[in-house]
Amino acid sequence: MNTSVDNYFVEGCGRCELGGTPDCKVHRWTEELELLRKIIQDCGLTEEAKWGAPCYTFQHKNVLMLSALKAYCCISFFKGSLLADGENLLVKPGPNSQAARLFRFKSTEEILKIEQHIRAYIFEAIEVEKAGLTVAFSKNPEPIPEELEAKFKEDPVLKTAFEALTPGRQRGYILHFSQPKQASTRMRRIEKYAPMILQGIGLHDKYKSRR
């Protein structure tokens, strides 16, 4: 057990204003996340806390993460597009996702129903890392600013949340972040709106504080 990960189940990721409050998304899916955590641990991965959330690694390489979003909780495979997915159980976080793939869950019953498949997919993801496989990325039709790409590399949870937005909301953020000429200004905009992205809120949506 990782005490930093234990804290995630109490305080959440702490990266938006809902962290540490009863409204934190982690508290919507406590039982589901705990069950998924046990299944993942049984597969022999190393448990770490990265970007405020549970991350599971093999020989220091990121394999998957546990995340809580508004509509579901999920296992997110960093290189999910390389998995065979013979049971057709994985989904893209968003239409433009090239690497990540998710198991989405809304109940413990859904998890238990496919528990053996979950384990099999995790073991396959480990084999992908053992083989040193990488995802071949193609250019995004709506160019993502370099600063946002760098932020995604630093913060996969933010990337997952961004890709879970509708295409229109994604485009709105990309255009807004790309507009300034100065890289420092683009980065400030990204930092400013990251909490909204984490809550599934679009740039032009009315921002409602739950405090």
Protein backbone atom coordinates (compact mmCIF):
# COMPACT_ATOMS: atom_id res chain seq x y z
CA MET A 1 0.00 0.00 0.00
CA ASN A 2 1.14 3.52 -0.80
CA THR A 3 0.24 6.10 1.84
CA SER A 4 0.17 8.89 -0.75
CA VAL A 5 -2.37 6.90 -2.72
CA ASP A 6 -4.32 6.24 0.47
CA ASN A 7 -4.59 10.00 0.84
CA TYR A 8 -6.11 10.21 -2.66
CA PHE A 9 -9.15 8.31 -1.42
CA VAL A 10 -9.56 10.79 1.44
CA GLU A 11 -8.64 14.14 -0.12
CA GLY A 12 -8.87 13.47 -3.87
CA CYS A 13 -6.16 14.63 -6.25
CA GLY A 14 -6.14 18.14 -4.76
CA ARG A 15 -5.81 19.74 -8.17
CA CYS A 16 -9.14 21.53 -8.33
CA GLU A 17 -11.16 23.47 -5.80
CA LEU A 18 -13.32 20.45 -4.94
CA GLY A 19 -10.36 18.53 -3.48
CA GLY A 20 -10.81 17.67 0.18
CA THR A 21 -14.54 18.45 0.08
CA PRO A 22 -17.55 16.07 0.00
CA ASP A 23 -18.12 17.16 -3.62
CA CYS A 24 -14.76 15.79 -4.80
CA LYS A 25 -15.33 13.35 -7.68
CA VAL A 26 -13.28 10.67 -5.90
CA HIS A 27 -16.04 10.34 -3.30
CA ARG A 28 -18.60 9.49 -5.98
CA TRP A 29 -16.73 6.30 -6.81
CA THR A 30 -15.05 5.22 -3.56
CA GLU A 31 -16.10 1.56 -3.66
CA GLU A 32 -15.39 1.22 -7.37
CA LEU A 33 -11.93 2.79 -7.07
CA GLU A 34 -11.01 0.65 -4.07
CA LEU A 35 -12.03 -2.51 -5.94
CA LEU A 36 -10.06 -1.50 -9.03
CA ARG A 37 -7.07 -0.70 -6.84
CA LYS A 38 -7.09 -4.21 -5.39
CA ILE A 39 -7.35 -5.82 -8.83
CA ILE A 40 -4.44 -3.75 -10.15
CA GLN A 41 -2.27 -4.47 -7.11
CA ASP A 42 -2.86 -8.19 -7.58
CA CYS A 43 -1.25 -7.89 -11.03
CA GLY A 44 2.13 -6.96 -9.57
CA LEU A 45 2.49 -3.36 -10.70
CA THR A 46 4.21 -0.75 -8.52
CA GLU A 47 1.78 1.72 -6.98
CA GLU A 48 2.79 5.37 -6.94
CA ALA A 49 1.11 8.74 -6.55
CA LYS A 50 1.68 10.87 -9.64
CA TRP A 51 -0.13 14.06 -10.62
CA GLY A 52 -2.18 13.61 -7.44
CA ALA A 53 -3.69 10.29 -8.56
CA PRO A 54 -2.85 6.56 -8.32
CA CYS A 55 -0.40 5.58 -11.06
CA TYR A 56 0.87 2.04 -11.64
CA THR A 57 4.26 1.36 -13.17
CA PHE A 58 6.41 -1.51 -14.42
CA GLN A 59 10.16 -1.01 -14.07
CA HIS A 60 9.59 2.74 -13.66
CA LYS A 61 7.47 2.97 -16.82
CA ASN A 62 3.90 4.25 -16.56
CA VAL A 63 1.35 1.56 -17.44
CA LEU A 64 -2.01 2.81 -16.18
CA MET A 65 -3.77 5.21 -13.86
CA LEU A 66 -6.91 5.26 -11.76
CA SER A 67 -9.07 8.34 -12.26
CA ALA A 68 -12.39 9.69 -11.05
CA LEU A 69 -14.38 11.84 -13.45
CA LYS A 70 -17.85 13.29 -13.04
CA ALA A 71 -19.69 10.64 -15.05
CA TYR A 72 -17.53 7.58 -14.29
CA CYS A 73 -14.34 6.25 -12.78
CA CYS A 74 -11.78 4.58 -14.99
CA ILE A 75 -8.59 2.69 -15.59
CA SER A 76 -6.59 4.62 -18.18
CA PHE A 77 -3.91 2.73 -20.11
CA PHE A 78 -1.11 5.02 -21.28
CA LYS A 79 -0.55 2.86 -24.41
CA GLY A 80 -4.04 1.41 -24.65
CA SER A 81 -4.14 1.74 -28.43
CA LEU A 82 -1.48 -0.98 -28.60
CA LEU A 83 -3.66 -3.49 -26.75
CA ALA A 84 -5.50 -6.07 -28.84
CA ASP A 85 -8.82 -5.39 -27.06
CA GLY A 86 -10.27 -8.65 -28.30
CA GLU A 87 -13.34 -8.18 -26.09
CA ASN A 88 -13.96 -4.65 -27.41
CA LEU A 89 -14.09 -3.25 -23.88
CA LEU A 90 -11.86 -0.18 -24.19
CA VAL A 91 -12.97 3.29 -25.24
CA LYS A 92 -11.13 6.41 -26.32
CA PRO A 93 -11.15 9.30 -23.82
CA GLY A 94 -12.01 11.53 -26.78
CA PRO A 95 -12.34 11.28 -30.57
CA ASN A 96 -8.78 12.51 -31.15
CA SER A 97 -7.11 10.23 -28.59
CA GLN A 98 -4.25 8.32 -30.17
CA ALA A 99 -2.63 6.46 -27.26
CA ALA A 100 -4.81 6.29 -24.15
CA ARG A 101 -7.70 3.87 -23.82
CA LEU A 102 -10.09 3.48 -20.91
CA PHE A 103 -12.12 1.00 -18.96
CA ARG A 104 -15.11 3.07 -17.76
CA PHE A 105 -17.16 2.01 -14.75
CA LYS A 106 -20.22 3.28 -12.92
CA SER A 107 -20.71 0.43 -10.42
CA THR A 108 -18.86 -2.37 -8.66
CA GLU A 109 -21.13 -4.80 -10.50
CA GLU A 110 -19.74 -3.64 -13.85
CA ILE A 111 -16.21 -4.22 -12.55
CA LEU A 112 -16.88 -7.67 -11.14
CA LYS A 113 -18.59 -8.75 -14.35
CA ILE A 114 -15.38 -8.34 -16.37
CA GLU A 115 -12.78 -8.71 -13.61
CA GLN A 116 -10.89 -11.48 -15.41
CA HIS A 117 -10.75 -9.41 -18.59
CA ILE A 118 -9.44 -6.43 -16.63
CA ARG A 119 -6.61 -8.57 -15.29
CA ALA A 120 -5.85 -9.96 -18.74
CA TYR A 121 -5.66 -6.45 -20.23
CA ILE A 122 -3.35 -5.30 -17.45
CA PHE A 123 -1.01 -8.23 -18.05
CA GLU A 124 -1.05 -7.43 -21.78
CA ALA A 125 -0.16 -3.80 -21.02
CA ILE A 126 2.80 -5.05 -18.97
CA GLU A 127 3.94 -7.12 -21.95
CA VAL A 128 3.75 -4.01 -24.13
CA GLU A 129 6.24 -2.32 -21.80
CA LYS A 130 8.47 -5.38 -21.68
CA ALA A 131 8.62 -5.34 -25.48
CA GLY A 132 9.43 -1.61 -25.54
CA LEU A 133 6.55 -0.81 -27.90
CA THR A 134 5.64 2.81 -28.62
CA VAL A 135 2.63 4.56 -30.12
CA ALA A 136 3.08 6.13 -33.55
CA PHE A 137 1.34 9.51 -33.32
CA SER A 138 -0.20 11.29 -36.28
CA LYS A 139 -0.77 15.03 -36.47
CA ASN A 140 -3.89 16.38 -34.83
CA PRO A 141 -6.26 18.11 -37.30
CA GLU A 142 -6.60 20.97 -34.78
CA PRO A 143 -2.98 21.79 -33.85
CA ILE A 144 -2.43 21.64 -30.12
CA PRO A 145 -0.05 24.30 -28.78
CA GLU A 146 3.32 23.01 -27.65
CA GLU A 147 2.72 24.27 -24.13
CA LEU A 148 -0.44 22.20 -23.82
CA GLU A 149 1.29 19.11 -25.21
CA ALA A 150 4.06 19.60 -22.64
CA LYS A 151 1.48 19.99 -19.88
CA PHE A 152 -0.19 16.75 -20.96
CA LYS A 153 3.14 14.93 -20.68
CA GLU A 154 3.60 16.31 -17.18
CA ASP A 155 -0.01 15.66 -16.19
CA PRO A 156 -1.77 12.65 -17.80
CA VAL A 157 -4.82 13.18 -15.57
CA LEU A 158 -5.36 16.56 -17.20
CA LYS A 159 -4.89 14.93 -20.62
CA THR A 160 -7.53 12.31 -19.83
CA ALA A 161 -9.95 14.99 -18.61
CA PHE A 162 -9.31 17.11 -21.71
CA GLU A 163 -9.89 14.21 -24.06
CA ALA A 164 -13.14 13.41 -22.25
CA LEU A 165 -14.51 16.84 -23.24
CA THR A 166 -16.70 17.16 -26.30
CA PRO A 167 -14.85 18.05 -29.54
CA GLY A 168 -16.33 21.53 -29.43
CA ARG A 169 -15.07 22.18 -25.90
CA GLN A 170 -11.63 20.83 -26.83
CA ARG A 171 -11.47 23.12 -29.85
CA GLY A 172 -12.55 26.11 -27.76
CA TYR A 173 -9.68 25.59 -25.35
CA ILE A 174 -7.13 24.91 -28.09
CA LEU A 175 -8.03 28.14 -29.90
CA HIS A 176 -7.96 30.13 -26.65
CA PHE A 177 -4.60 28.69 -25.59
CA SER A 178 -3.06 29.16 -29.04
CA GLN A 179 -4.06 32.81 -29.44
CA PRO A 180 -1.29 34.62 -27.46
CA LYS A 181 2.03 35.20 -29.21
CA GLN A 182 4.07 34.78 -26.04
CA ALA A 183 4.67 31.24 -24.76
CA SER A 184 4.50 32.49 -21.17
CA THR A 185 1.01 33.90 -21.77
CA ARG A 186 -0.13 30.65 -23.37
CA MET A 187 1.16 28.75 -20.33
CA ARG A 188 -0.63 31.08 -17.91
CA ARG A 189 -3.89 30.49 -19.74
CA ILE A 190 -3.40 26.72 -19.54
CA GLU A 191 -2.69 26.89 -15.80
CA LYS A 192 -5.71 29.15 -15.26
CA TYR A 193 -8.20 26.89 -17.00
CA ALA A 194 -6.81 23.49 -15.94
CA PRO A 195 -9.22 23.29 -12.95
CA MET A 196 -12.18 23.80 -15.27
CA ILE A 197 -10.94 21.07 -17.61
CA LEU A 198 -10.56 18.71 -14.65
CA GLN A 199 -14.21 19.36 -13.76
CA GLY A 200 -15.39 18.71 -17.32
CA ILE A 201 -16.33 22.35 -17.89
CA GLY A 202 -15.94 24.02 -21.26
CA LEU A 203 -14.31 27.41 -21.75
CA HIS A 204 -17.61 29.08 -22.53
CA ASP A 205 -19.70 27.18 -19.99
CA LYS A 206 -20.87 29.02 -16.94
CA TYR A 207 -18.33 28.24 -14.22
CA LYS A 208 -20.15 27.21 -11.06
CA SER A 209 -18.23 26.96 -7.85
CA ARG A 210 -19.38 24.17 -5.53
CA ARG A 211 -17.77 25.56 -2.44
